[in-house]
N, C-alpha and C. Protein backbone atom coordinates (compact mmCIF):
# COMPACT_ATOMS: atom_id res chain seq x y z
N MET A 1 -14.93 -25.19 7.60
CA MET A 1 -15.19 -25.97 6.53
C MET A 1 -14.47 -27.25 6.71
N VAL A 2 -14.98 -28.17 7.87
CA VAL A 2 -14.32 -29.69 8.34
C VAL A 2 -14.10 -30.59 7.02
N GLY A 3 -12.80 -31.14 7.32
CA GLY A 3 -12.40 -32.40 6.50
C GLY A 3 -11.77 -31.70 4.59
N THR A 4 -11.88 -30.48 4.82
CA THR A 4 -11.15 -29.79 3.68
C THR A 4 -9.78 -30.08 3.15
N ALA A 5 -9.58 -30.98 2.40
CA ALA A 5 -8.50 -31.22 1.93
C ALA A 5 -7.29 -29.91 1.36
N ILE A 6 -6.75 -29.28 2.04
CA ILE A 6 -5.90 -28.00 1.81
C ILE A 6 -4.29 -28.59 0.72
N SER A 7 -4.19 -28.57 -0.73
CA SER A 7 -2.61 -28.63 -0.84
C SER A 7 -1.82 -27.60 -0.83
N ILE A 8 -0.39 -27.26 -1.24
CA ILE A 8 0.73 -26.48 -1.27
C ILE A 8 0.33 -25.88 -3.25
N ALA A 9 0.10 -27.22 -3.78
CA ALA A 9 -0.12 -26.92 -4.93
C ALA A 9 -1.26 -26.37 -5.40
N ASP A 10 -2.73 -26.01 -4.27
CA ASP A 10 -3.60 -25.26 -4.30
C ASP A 10 -3.44 -23.92 -4.43
N VAL A 11 -2.89 -23.50 -3.44
CA VAL A 11 -2.37 -22.23 -2.64
C VAL A 11 -1.34 -21.83 -4.44
N ARG A 12 -0.29 -22.80 -4.59
CA ARG A 12 0.68 -21.85 -5.59
C ARG A 12 -0.02 -21.50 -7.09
N ARG A 13 -1.18 -22.30 -7.11
CA ARG A 13 -2.53 -22.16 -8.58
C ARG A 13 -2.86 -20.73 -7.99
N ALA A 14 -3.51 -20.76 -6.85
CA ALA A 14 -4.20 -19.28 -6.81
C ALA A 14 -3.73 -18.06 -6.89
N LEU A 15 -2.07 -18.36 -6.07
CA LEU A 15 -1.75 -17.40 -6.17
C LEU A 15 -0.56 -16.85 -7.43
N GLY A 16 -0.65 -17.77 -8.55
CA GLY A 16 0.00 -17.83 -10.45
C GLY A 16 1.58 -17.89 -9.96
N ALA A 17 2.26 -17.79 -10.87
CA ALA A 17 3.44 -17.29 -10.91
C ALA A 17 4.18 -16.35 -9.99
N PRO A 18 5.69 -16.66 -8.95
CA PRO A 18 5.98 -15.82 -8.10
C PRO A 18 6.00 -14.54 -8.78
N HIS A 19 5.87 -13.47 -7.99
CA HIS A 19 5.60 -11.83 -8.38
C HIS A 19 6.00 -11.19 -7.08
N GLN A 20 6.33 -9.92 -6.88
CA GLN A 20 6.47 -8.51 -5.86
C GLN A 20 5.02 -8.15 -6.49
N PRO A 21 3.96 -7.58 -5.43
CA PRO A 21 3.01 -6.33 -5.41
C PRO A 21 3.58 -5.00 -6.01
N ALA A 22 3.09 -4.60 -6.20
CA ALA A 22 3.90 -2.66 -7.23
C ALA A 22 4.06 -2.42 -6.05
N ARG A 23 5.32 -1.30 -5.93
CA ARG A 23 5.54 -0.99 -4.23
C ARG A 23 4.24 0.10 -3.95
N MET A 24 4.53 -0.09 -3.02
CA MET A 24 3.32 0.66 -1.73
C MET A 24 3.91 2.25 -1.80
N LYS A 25 2.89 2.82 -1.95
CA LYS A 25 3.14 4.51 -1.90
C LYS A 25 3.59 4.96 -0.49
N ALA A 26 3.02 4.21 0.43
CA ALA A 26 3.40 4.46 1.88
C ALA A 26 5.06 5.06 1.98
N PRO A 27 5.70 5.34 2.53
CA PRO A 27 7.25 6.03 3.01
C PRO A 27 7.59 4.42 3.72
N PRO A 28 8.43 4.57 3.86
CA PRO A 28 9.97 3.19 4.59
C PRO A 28 9.53 3.55 6.32
N GLY A 29 9.15 2.89 6.79
CA GLY A 29 8.55 2.72 8.32
C GLY A 29 7.06 3.02 8.85
N GLN A 30 6.42 3.07 7.25
CA GLN A 30 5.28 2.98 7.22
C GLN A 30 4.70 1.68 6.48
N THR A 31 5.59 0.95 6.24
CA THR A 31 5.53 -0.65 5.47
C THR A 31 6.37 -1.33 6.37
N ALA A 32 5.30 -2.44 6.00
CA ALA A 32 6.06 -3.64 6.87
C ALA A 32 5.72 -4.70 6.00
N ALA A 33 6.70 -5.90 6.49
CA ALA A 33 6.23 -7.12 5.08
C ALA A 33 6.31 -8.72 5.69
N VAL A 34 5.71 -9.29 5.84
CA VAL A 34 5.39 -10.49 6.79
C VAL A 34 5.90 -12.13 5.67
N ALA A 35 6.15 -13.15 6.19
CA ALA A 35 6.53 -13.96 5.70
C ALA A 35 5.50 -15.36 5.74
N ALA A 36 4.34 -16.06 5.35
CA ALA A 36 3.66 -16.92 5.54
C ALA A 36 3.83 -18.10 4.93
N VAL A 37 4.89 -18.76 5.29
CA VAL A 37 5.47 -20.20 5.26
C VAL A 37 5.07 -21.74 5.48
N LEU A 38 4.75 -21.94 4.43
CA LEU A 38 4.25 -23.73 4.50
C LEU A 38 4.96 -24.65 4.35
N ARG A 39 4.73 -25.63 5.40
CA ARG A 39 4.94 -26.42 4.71
C ARG A 39 4.35 -28.00 4.83
N GLU A 40 5.08 -29.41 4.23
CA GLU A 40 3.55 -30.07 3.76
C GLU A 40 4.66 -31.45 4.81
N THR A 41 3.84 -31.81 5.80
CA THR A 41 4.21 -33.04 6.89
C THR A 41 3.03 -33.48 7.29
N GLY A 42 3.28 -35.36 7.18
CA GLY A 42 2.51 -36.05 7.11
C GLY A 42 1.33 -35.80 6.71
N GLY A 43 1.32 -35.18 4.92
CA GLY A 43 -0.24 -35.51 4.43
C GLY A 43 -0.05 -34.39 4.70
N ALA A 44 -0.50 -33.59 5.55
CA ALA A 44 -0.95 -32.20 5.70
C ALA A 44 0.06 -31.06 5.61
N VAL A 45 -1.01 -29.89 5.27
CA VAL A 45 0.08 -28.35 5.08
C VAL A 45 -0.21 -27.99 6.11
N GLU A 46 0.97 -27.01 6.91
CA GLU A 46 0.86 -26.37 8.28
C GLU A 46 1.79 -25.21 8.01
N LEU A 47 1.04 -23.75 8.36
CA LEU A 47 1.85 -22.45 8.76
C LEU A 47 2.40 -22.36 9.67
N LEU A 48 3.39 -21.36 9.85
CA LEU A 48 4.45 -21.10 10.42
C LEU A 48 4.14 -19.92 11.00
N PHE A 49 4.22 -19.95 12.36
CA PHE A 49 3.76 -18.71 13.17
C PHE A 49 4.78 -18.56 14.54
N ILE A 50 4.80 -17.36 14.43
CA ILE A 50 5.57 -16.86 15.85
C ILE A 50 5.32 -16.77 17.33
N VAL A 51 5.13 -17.21 18.16
CA VAL A 51 4.73 -16.04 19.19
C VAL A 51 6.34 -15.41 20.11
N ARG A 52 5.47 -13.95 20.11
CA ARG A 52 6.51 -12.85 20.43
C ARG A 52 6.90 -12.64 21.85
N ALA A 53 7.60 -12.66 22.22
CA ALA A 53 8.80 -12.79 23.58
C ALA A 53 7.81 -11.59 24.10
N GLU A 54 7.96 -11.50 25.55
CA GLU A 54 7.12 -11.02 26.71
C GLU A 54 8.08 -9.71 26.67
N HIS A 55 7.65 -8.82 26.57
CA HIS A 55 7.92 -7.64 26.89
C HIS A 55 7.61 -6.10 27.38
N PRO A 56 7.72 -5.63 28.70
CA PRO A 56 7.00 -4.71 28.98
C PRO A 56 6.18 -3.45 28.35
N ARG A 57 6.73 -3.37 27.58
CA ARG A 57 7.03 -1.77 26.86
C ARG A 57 6.32 -2.20 24.88
N ASP A 58 6.15 -3.56 24.59
CA ASP A 58 5.24 -4.24 23.73
C ASP A 58 4.05 -4.13 24.09
N PRO A 59 3.72 -3.52 23.15
CA PRO A 59 1.59 -3.98 23.55
C PRO A 59 1.21 -5.00 23.38
N TRP A 60 2.42 -5.80 21.87
CA TRP A 60 1.91 -6.82 21.34
C TRP A 60 2.78 -8.05 21.85
N SER A 61 3.26 -8.08 22.45
CA SER A 61 4.26 -9.10 23.44
C SER A 61 3.11 -10.40 23.76
N GLY A 62 3.80 -11.41 23.54
CA GLY A 62 3.22 -12.84 23.70
C GLY A 62 2.06 -12.86 22.44
N HIS A 63 1.90 -12.32 21.59
CA HIS A 63 0.83 -12.36 20.50
C HIS A 63 1.59 -13.49 19.58
N VAL A 64 0.94 -14.25 18.86
CA VAL A 64 0.85 -14.61 17.89
C VAL A 64 0.96 -14.16 16.31
N ALA A 65 1.71 -13.88 15.79
CA ALA A 65 2.19 -13.30 14.30
C ALA A 65 3.22 -13.99 13.55
N PHE A 66 2.84 -13.36 12.17
CA PHE A 66 3.83 -14.12 11.22
C PHE A 66 5.24 -13.19 11.49
N PRO A 67 6.51 -13.97 11.19
CA PRO A 67 7.87 -13.59 11.09
C PRO A 67 7.46 -12.14 10.14
N GLY A 68 8.51 -11.33 10.25
CA GLY A 68 7.96 -9.65 9.92
C GLY A 68 8.68 -8.88 10.65
N GLY A 69 8.66 -7.70 9.82
CA GLY A 69 9.17 -6.53 10.83
C GLY A 69 8.41 -5.57 9.54
N ARG A 70 8.92 -4.55 10.30
CA ARG A 70 9.01 -2.72 9.27
C ARG A 70 9.95 -3.26 7.95
N VAL A 71 9.82 -2.12 7.34
CA VAL A 71 10.70 -2.37 5.63
C VAL A 71 12.17 -1.39 6.66
N ASP A 72 13.18 -1.25 6.50
CA ASP A 72 14.48 -0.78 6.46
C ASP A 72 14.62 0.06 5.50
N PRO A 73 15.15 1.02 5.39
CA PRO A 73 15.79 1.99 4.34
C PRO A 73 16.68 1.19 3.22
N THR A 74 17.48 0.52 4.07
CA THR A 74 18.25 -0.42 3.88
C THR A 74 17.83 -1.70 2.39
N ASP A 75 17.05 -1.91 3.26
CA ASP A 75 16.23 -3.27 2.12
C ASP A 75 16.04 -2.84 0.91
N ALA A 76 16.00 -3.89 -0.11
CA ALA A 76 15.64 -3.18 -1.79
C ALA A 76 14.07 -3.50 -1.59
N ASP A 77 13.13 -3.89 -1.15
CA ASP A 77 12.07 -3.59 -1.05
C ASP A 77 11.18 -4.74 -0.14
N ALA A 78 9.67 -4.48 -0.17
CA ALA A 78 9.12 -5.45 1.70
C ALA A 78 9.46 -6.86 1.40
N LEU A 79 10.01 -7.65 0.16
CA LEU A 79 10.48 -9.14 -0.42
C LEU A 79 11.58 -9.22 0.61
N ALA A 80 12.12 -8.36 0.32
CA ALA A 80 13.80 -8.58 1.41
C ALA A 80 13.35 -8.37 2.57
N THR A 81 12.39 -7.05 3.44
CA THR A 81 12.22 -7.35 4.27
C THR A 81 12.00 -8.68 4.85
N ALA A 82 10.86 -9.19 4.03
CA ALA A 82 10.83 -10.38 4.91
C ALA A 82 11.40 -11.74 4.86
N VAL A 83 12.11 -11.24 3.95
CA VAL A 83 13.29 -12.68 4.21
C VAL A 83 14.46 -12.17 5.48
N ARG A 84 14.54 -10.76 5.08
CA ARG A 84 15.51 -10.45 6.43
C ARG A 84 15.11 -10.65 8.21
N GLU A 85 14.30 -10.32 7.77
CA GLU A 85 13.34 -10.86 9.26
C GLU A 85 13.04 -12.44 9.48
N THR A 86 12.52 -13.25 8.70
CA THR A 86 12.31 -14.30 9.10
C THR A 86 13.90 -14.99 9.61
N SER A 87 14.76 -14.39 8.82
CA SER A 87 16.09 -15.12 8.86
C SER A 87 16.58 -14.85 10.29
N GLU A 88 16.59 -13.06 10.63
CA GLU A 88 16.71 -12.71 12.28
C GLU A 88 15.90 -13.07 13.28
N GLU A 89 14.94 -13.67 13.55
CA GLU A 89 13.77 -14.04 13.95
C GLU A 89 13.63 -15.63 14.23
N LEU A 90 14.36 -16.37 13.20
CA LEU A 90 13.91 -17.75 13.48
C LEU A 90 15.04 -18.66 12.79
N ALA A 91 16.17 -17.83 12.78
CA ALA A 91 17.54 -17.99 11.99
C ALA A 91 16.98 -19.09 10.59
N LEU A 92 15.93 -18.98 9.90
CA LEU A 92 15.41 -19.58 8.70
C LEU A 92 15.86 -18.33 7.44
N ASP A 93 16.31 -19.45 6.65
CA ASP A 93 17.21 -18.83 5.13
C ASP A 93 16.17 -19.07 3.83
N LEU A 94 14.97 -18.21 4.14
CA LEU A 94 14.30 -18.58 2.52
C LEU A 94 14.63 -18.37 1.65
N GLU A 95 15.49 -17.62 0.80
CA GLU A 95 16.33 -17.98 -0.34
C GLU A 95 17.09 -19.14 -0.69
N ARG A 96 17.24 -19.98 0.36
CA ARG A 96 17.91 -20.97 0.52
C ARG A 96 17.33 -22.36 0.40
N ASP A 97 16.27 -22.23 1.79
CA ASP A 97 15.23 -23.03 2.21
C ASP A 97 13.98 -22.96 1.73
N ALA A 98 13.22 -22.02 1.01
CA ALA A 98 12.18 -21.97 0.27
C ALA A 98 12.03 -21.42 -1.06
N ALA A 99 10.80 -21.92 -1.48
CA ALA A 99 10.27 -21.25 -3.03
C ALA A 99 9.52 -19.90 -2.72
N LEU A 100 9.88 -19.17 -3.05
CA LEU A 100 7.93 -17.94 -3.31
C LEU A 100 7.25 -18.43 -3.90
N LEU A 101 6.02 -18.65 -3.29
CA LEU A 101 4.95 -18.45 -4.27
C LEU A 101 4.32 -17.79 -4.66
N GLY A 102 4.66 -16.33 -4.19
CA GLY A 102 3.72 -15.34 -4.34
C GLY A 102 3.37 -14.63 -3.54
N ALA A 103 2.75 -13.31 -3.57
CA ALA A 103 2.33 -12.35 -2.65
C ALA A 103 0.92 -12.08 -2.77
N LEU A 104 0.47 -12.12 -1.25
CA LEU A 104 -0.89 -11.77 -1.05
C LEU A 104 -1.31 -10.17 -0.70
N PRO A 105 -2.71 -9.62 -1.25
CA PRO A 105 -2.59 -8.55 -1.38
C PRO A 105 -2.37 -7.70 0.02
N ALA A 106 -1.43 -6.21 -0.08
CA ALA A 106 -1.21 -5.68 1.10
C ALA A 106 -2.51 -5.53 2.34
N VAL A 107 -2.58 -5.55 3.53
CA VAL A 107 -3.11 -5.05 4.51
C VAL A 107 -3.04 -3.75 5.19
N ARG A 108 -4.15 -2.88 5.69
CA ARG A 108 -3.33 -2.08 6.29
C ARG A 108 -4.33 -2.60 7.84
N THR A 109 -3.04 -2.17 8.85
CA THR A 109 -3.64 -1.89 9.97
C THR A 109 -4.72 -1.06 10.72
N HIS A 110 -5.57 -1.37 11.45
CA HIS A 110 -6.56 -0.27 11.58
C HIS A 110 -5.96 0.47 12.84
N LEU A 111 -4.74 0.21 13.73
CA LEU A 111 -4.64 1.52 14.43
C LEU A 111 -3.20 2.28 13.82
N GLN A 112 -3.74 3.62 14.12
CA GLN A 112 -2.69 4.70 13.73
C GLN A 112 -1.17 4.01 14.30
N HIS A 113 -0.37 4.37 13.52
CA HIS A 113 1.20 4.06 13.60
C HIS A 113 1.78 5.64 12.83
N GLY A 114 2.41 6.12 14.36
CA GLY A 114 2.89 7.47 13.87
C GLY A 114 1.80 8.41 12.98
N PRO A 115 2.59 9.04 12.42
CA PRO A 115 2.09 9.81 11.35
C PRO A 115 1.12 9.18 10.24
N GLY A 116 1.08 8.13 10.26
CA GLY A 116 -0.33 7.69 9.20
C GLY A 116 -0.46 6.13 9.36
N PRO A 117 -1.22 5.87 8.53
CA PRO A 117 -1.42 3.86 8.65
C PRO A 117 -0.66 2.89 7.95
N LEU A 118 0.42 1.96 8.67
CA LEU A 118 0.64 0.71 8.72
C LEU A 118 0.25 -0.18 7.58
N TRP A 119 0.99 -0.53 6.35
CA TRP A 119 0.52 -1.68 5.73
C TRP A 119 1.24 -2.50 5.55
N VAL A 120 1.14 -3.83 6.03
CA VAL A 120 1.53 -4.85 5.91
C VAL A 120 1.44 -5.79 4.10
N ALA A 121 2.95 -6.40 4.02
CA ALA A 121 2.62 -6.92 2.49
C ALA A 121 3.44 -8.59 3.12
N PRO A 122 2.18 -9.36 2.65
CA PRO A 122 2.39 -10.27 3.44
C PRO A 122 3.26 -11.78 1.75
N PHE A 123 3.81 -12.69 1.86
CA PHE A 123 4.76 -12.74 0.98
C PHE A 123 4.56 -14.76 1.42
N VAL A 124 4.03 -15.48 0.53
CA VAL A 124 3.82 -16.90 1.06
C VAL A 124 5.34 -17.62 0.01
N PHE A 125 5.16 -18.65 1.39
CA PHE A 125 6.88 -19.41 0.79
C PHE A 125 6.25 -20.94 1.03
N GLN A 126 7.06 -22.07 0.28
CA GLN A 126 7.19 -23.19 0.69
C GLN A 126 8.43 -23.47 0.99
N LEU A 127 7.95 -24.58 2.22
CA LEU A 127 9.81 -24.76 2.67
C LEU A 127 9.85 -25.79 2.10
N LEU A 128 11.11 -26.18 1.72
CA LEU A 128 11.60 -27.26 0.61
C LEU A 128 12.14 -28.03 1.45
N VAL A 129 12.69 -27.69 2.52
CA VAL A 129 13.47 -28.39 3.65
C VAL A 129 13.35 -28.38 4.90
N ALA A 130 13.82 -28.97 6.10
CA ALA A 130 13.11 -28.94 7.10
C ALA A 130 14.42 -28.42 7.73
N PRO A 131 15.10 -27.23 7.83
CA PRO A 131 15.65 -26.82 8.48
C PRO A 131 15.73 -26.57 10.40
N GLY A 132 16.07 -26.58 11.06
CA GLY A 132 15.87 -25.79 12.75
C GLY A 132 15.38 -25.05 12.80
N LEU A 133 14.27 -24.42 13.68
CA LEU A 133 14.07 -23.02 14.13
C LEU A 133 14.52 -22.90 15.09
N VAL A 134 15.64 -21.49 14.93
CA VAL A 134 16.67 -20.63 16.22
C VAL A 134 15.47 -19.89 16.06
N PRO A 135 14.70 -19.36 17.25
CA PRO A 135 14.30 -18.59 17.73
C PRO A 135 15.42 -17.00 18.59
N ASN A 136 15.24 -16.04 17.80
CA ASN A 136 16.35 -14.88 18.70
C ASN A 136 15.28 -14.45 19.93
N GLU A 137 15.98 -13.24 20.56
CA GLU A 137 15.49 -12.60 21.71
C GLU A 137 13.91 -12.06 21.69
N GLU A 138 13.76 -11.85 20.31
CA GLU A 138 12.48 -11.36 20.09
C GLU A 138 11.45 -12.33 19.94
N VAL A 139 11.38 -13.40 19.61
CA VAL A 139 10.43 -14.83 19.92
C VAL A 139 10.86 -15.81 20.66
N GLN A 140 9.05 -16.17 21.51
CA GLN A 140 9.47 -16.64 22.30
C GLN A 140 9.37 -17.93 22.11
N GLU A 141 8.19 -18.17 20.60
CA GLU A 141 8.30 -19.81 20.28
C GLU A 141 8.05 -20.09 18.91
N ALA A 142 8.62 -20.91 18.03
CA ALA A 142 7.95 -20.79 16.37
C ALA A 142 6.54 -21.64 16.34
N LEU A 143 5.78 -21.47 16.18
CA LEU A 143 4.51 -22.69 16.00
C LEU A 143 4.11 -22.94 14.73
N TRP A 144 4.22 -24.33 14.32
CA TRP A 144 3.57 -24.64 13.18
C TRP A 144 1.69 -25.01 13.47
N VAL A 145 0.57 -24.88 12.05
CA VAL A 145 -0.72 -24.92 13.10
C VAL A 145 -0.83 -25.23 11.60
N PRO A 146 -1.80 -26.43 11.69
CA PRO A 146 -2.29 -27.12 10.31
C PRO A 146 -3.29 -26.02 9.56
N LEU A 147 -3.41 -26.35 8.07
CA LEU A 147 -4.07 -25.14 7.50
C LEU A 147 -5.55 -25.74 7.52
N GLU A 148 -5.85 -26.66 7.65
CA GLU A 148 -6.76 -27.36 7.51
C GLU A 148 -7.82 -27.04 9.27
N PHE A 149 -7.14 -27.02 10.23
CA PHE A 149 -7.36 -26.40 11.52
C PHE A 149 -8.13 -24.63 11.32
N LEU A 150 -7.19 -24.03 10.95
CA LEU A 150 -7.58 -22.65 10.52
C LEU A 150 -8.71 -22.61 9.55
N ALA A 151 -8.86 -23.49 9.06
CA ALA A 151 -10.31 -23.65 7.90
C ALA A 151 -11.23 -24.49 8.47
N ASP A 152 -11.36 -24.70 9.68
CA ASP A 152 -12.75 -25.61 10.32
C ASP A 152 -13.16 -24.43 10.92
N ALA A 153 -14.27 -24.07 10.59
CA ALA A 153 -15.47 -23.18 11.36
C ALA A 153 -15.47 -23.29 12.50
N GLY A 154 -15.64 -24.45 13.02
CA GLY A 154 -15.64 -24.94 14.42
C GLY A 154 -14.65 -24.20 15.10
N ASN A 155 -13.59 -24.25 15.16
CA ASN A 155 -12.39 -23.59 15.34
C ASN A 155 -12.15 -22.34 15.80
N ARG A 156 -13.79 -21.89 15.03
CA ARG A 156 -13.56 -20.23 14.81
C ARG A 156 -14.15 -19.47 16.47
N GLY A 157 -13.78 -17.99 17.13
CA GLY A 157 -14.31 -18.07 18.41
C GLY A 157 -13.99 -16.50 18.40
N ARG A 158 -14.46 -15.72 19.34
CA ARG A 158 -14.10 -14.55 19.98
C ARG A 158 -13.57 -14.74 21.06
N PHE A 159 -13.43 -13.33 21.08
CA PHE A 159 -12.53 -12.72 22.86
C PHE A 159 -12.65 -11.21 22.59
N LEU A 160 -12.60 -11.38 24.50
CA LEU A 160 -12.82 -10.04 24.64
C LEU A 160 -11.48 -9.16 24.61
N TRP A 161 -11.16 -8.15 23.46
CA TRP A 161 -10.14 -7.34 23.82
C TRP A 161 -9.99 -6.75 24.44
N ASP A 162 -9.20 -5.95 25.57
CA ASP A 162 -8.87 -4.71 26.17
C ASP A 162 -8.04 -4.10 25.62
N GLY A 163 -8.55 -3.36 24.15
CA GLY A 163 -7.00 -2.27 23.90
C GLY A 163 -7.25 -0.82 24.03
N PRO A 164 -6.61 0.06 22.80
CA PRO A 164 -6.89 1.33 23.28
C PRO A 164 -8.16 2.21 23.29
N ILE A 165 -9.31 0.99 22.40
CA ILE A 165 -10.30 1.32 22.17
C ILE A 165 -11.33 0.55 23.31
N PRO A 166 -12.57 1.02 24.16
CA PRO A 166 -13.15 -0.11 25.04
C PRO A 166 -13.51 -1.09 24.27
N SER A 167 -13.43 -2.22 25.24
CA SER A 167 -13.59 -3.29 24.83
C SER A 167 -14.38 -4.04 23.84
N ILE A 168 -13.86 -5.00 23.11
CA ILE A 168 -14.70 -5.35 22.01
C ILE A 168 -14.45 -6.71 21.62
N GLN A 169 -15.48 -7.26 21.27
CA GLN A 169 -15.34 -8.95 21.11
C GLN A 169 -14.77 -8.92 19.60
N MET A 170 -13.52 -9.43 19.49
CA MET A 170 -12.93 -10.03 18.61
C MET A 170 -12.75 -11.49 17.94
N PRO A 171 -12.95 -11.35 16.38
CA PRO A 171 -12.52 -13.01 16.13
C PRO A 171 -10.95 -13.24 15.98
N CYS A 172 -11.48 -15.10 16.79
CA CYS A 172 -10.03 -15.75 16.76
C CYS A 172 -9.96 -17.02 16.06
N VAL A 173 -9.07 -17.92 16.27
CA VAL A 173 -8.94 -18.99 16.09
C VAL A 173 -8.01 -19.30 17.61
N ARG A 174 -8.57 -20.47 18.32
CA ARG A 174 -7.62 -20.86 20.00
C ARG A 174 -7.09 -22.75 18.83
N TYR A 175 -5.80 -22.34 18.88
CA TYR A 175 -4.83 -23.18 18.88
C TYR A 175 -3.58 -23.39 20.25
N ASP A 176 -4.16 -24.76 20.84
CA ASP A 176 -2.79 -25.01 21.88
C ASP A 176 -2.33 -23.80 22.59
N GLY A 177 -3.70 -23.21 23.16
CA GLY A 177 -3.54 -22.73 24.16
C GLY A 177 -3.37 -21.21 23.67
N ARG A 178 -3.08 -20.54 22.35
CA ARG A 178 -2.49 -19.60 21.91
C ARG A 178 -3.65 -18.97 21.03
N LEU A 179 -3.77 -17.68 21.01
CA LEU A 179 -4.96 -17.05 19.98
C LEU A 179 -4.42 -16.31 18.62
N ILE A 180 -4.78 -16.78 17.75
CA ILE A 180 -4.53 -16.17 16.36
C ILE A 180 -5.72 -14.99 16.20
N TRP A 181 -5.49 -14.17 16.17
CA TRP A 181 -6.18 -12.85 16.13
C TRP A 181 -5.85 -11.49 14.48
N GLY A 182 -7.00 -10.95 14.95
CA GLY A 182 -6.38 -9.04 14.45
C GLY A 182 -5.53 -9.13 13.32
N LEU A 183 -4.82 -8.58 12.50
CA LEU A 183 -4.31 -8.74 11.45
C LEU A 183 -3.33 -10.17 11.22
N THR A 184 -3.40 -10.80 11.91
CA THR A 184 -2.28 -12.15 11.30
C THR A 184 -3.65 -13.08 10.96
N LEU A 185 -5.03 -12.98 11.61
CA LEU A 185 -6.06 -13.97 11.50
C LEU A 185 -6.30 -13.31 9.79
N ARG A 186 -6.58 -11.77 9.52
CA ARG A 186 -6.81 -11.70 8.28
C ARG A 186 -5.73 -11.80 7.30
N ILE A 187 -4.76 -12.12 7.26
CA ILE A 187 -4.30 -12.75 6.92
C ILE A 187 -4.52 -14.04 6.62
N VAL A 188 -4.42 -15.03 7.44
CA VAL A 188 -4.75 -16.34 7.59
C VAL A 188 -5.93 -16.43 6.39
N ASP A 189 -7.23 -15.44 6.51
CA ASP A 189 -8.41 -15.57 5.88
C ASP A 189 -7.77 -15.21 4.68
N LEU A 190 -7.09 -14.32 3.91
CA LEU A 190 -6.93 -14.05 2.54
C LEU A 190 -6.17 -15.42 1.80
N LEU A 191 -5.11 -15.91 2.57
CA LEU A 191 -4.39 -17.46 2.09
C LEU A 191 -5.93 -18.14 2.04
N LEU A 192 -6.40 -18.46 2.68
CA LEU A 192 -7.09 -19.36 2.79
C LEU A 192 -8.70 -19.09 1.79
N SER A 193 -8.65 -17.58 1.46
CA SER A 193 -9.69 -17.68 0.72
C SER A 193 -8.91 -17.95 -0.88
N LEU A 194 -7.53 -17.63 -0.99
CA LEU A 194 -7.10 -17.87 -2.21
C LEU A 194 -7.09 -19.08 -2.79
N ALA A 195 -6.79 -19.69 -1.46
CA ALA A 195 -6.82 -21.76 -2.01
C ALA A 195 -8.07 -22.20 -2.11
N GLY A 196 -9.23 -21.15 -2.05
CA GLY A 196 -10.75 -21.16 -2.52
C GLY A 196 -10.87 -22.16 -1.23
N VAL A 197 -10.81 -21.82 -0.01
CA VAL A 197 -11.85 -22.63 1.21
C VAL A 197 -12.46 -21.52 2.18
């Protein structure tokens, strides 16, 4: 959808009052959480991603993702995980520098992780200030992408994914030489759908 104006107010209304989803029944280690951080800049709304650092033992190295990770047994809940992981990966303090807008429905990965599926809980935040982002060793770079770019059907395409199953065509968005796809794109589309795009 070209030219669709998306505001943080639209996202806030769609999500309603800040809340946390009911605790998931999956055990710790089978649940992860991510932060979808929005900012307004120059009249546009942008969404924060990370590019994972290259590592030979990480099958997702170099991929675009949201800051986040697996729920640790010491985390109070999935929201605490999203906040902790964002601080560790980008030195971004979401409790101090952002407002929680709400939570998207948890999404399940298609690939098997250990004894069961991995559920990912996405939390949406609005950045209130403009702190510098300092990627740690797990992150190659931070990447801001306009929501309008992500919503534009003209920026959607496909690529051949050569994963653990035979090569298949996967939907994607190409931005600045980067591919946004898989679970990350599913969360983007959930956010866009809730915002009415």
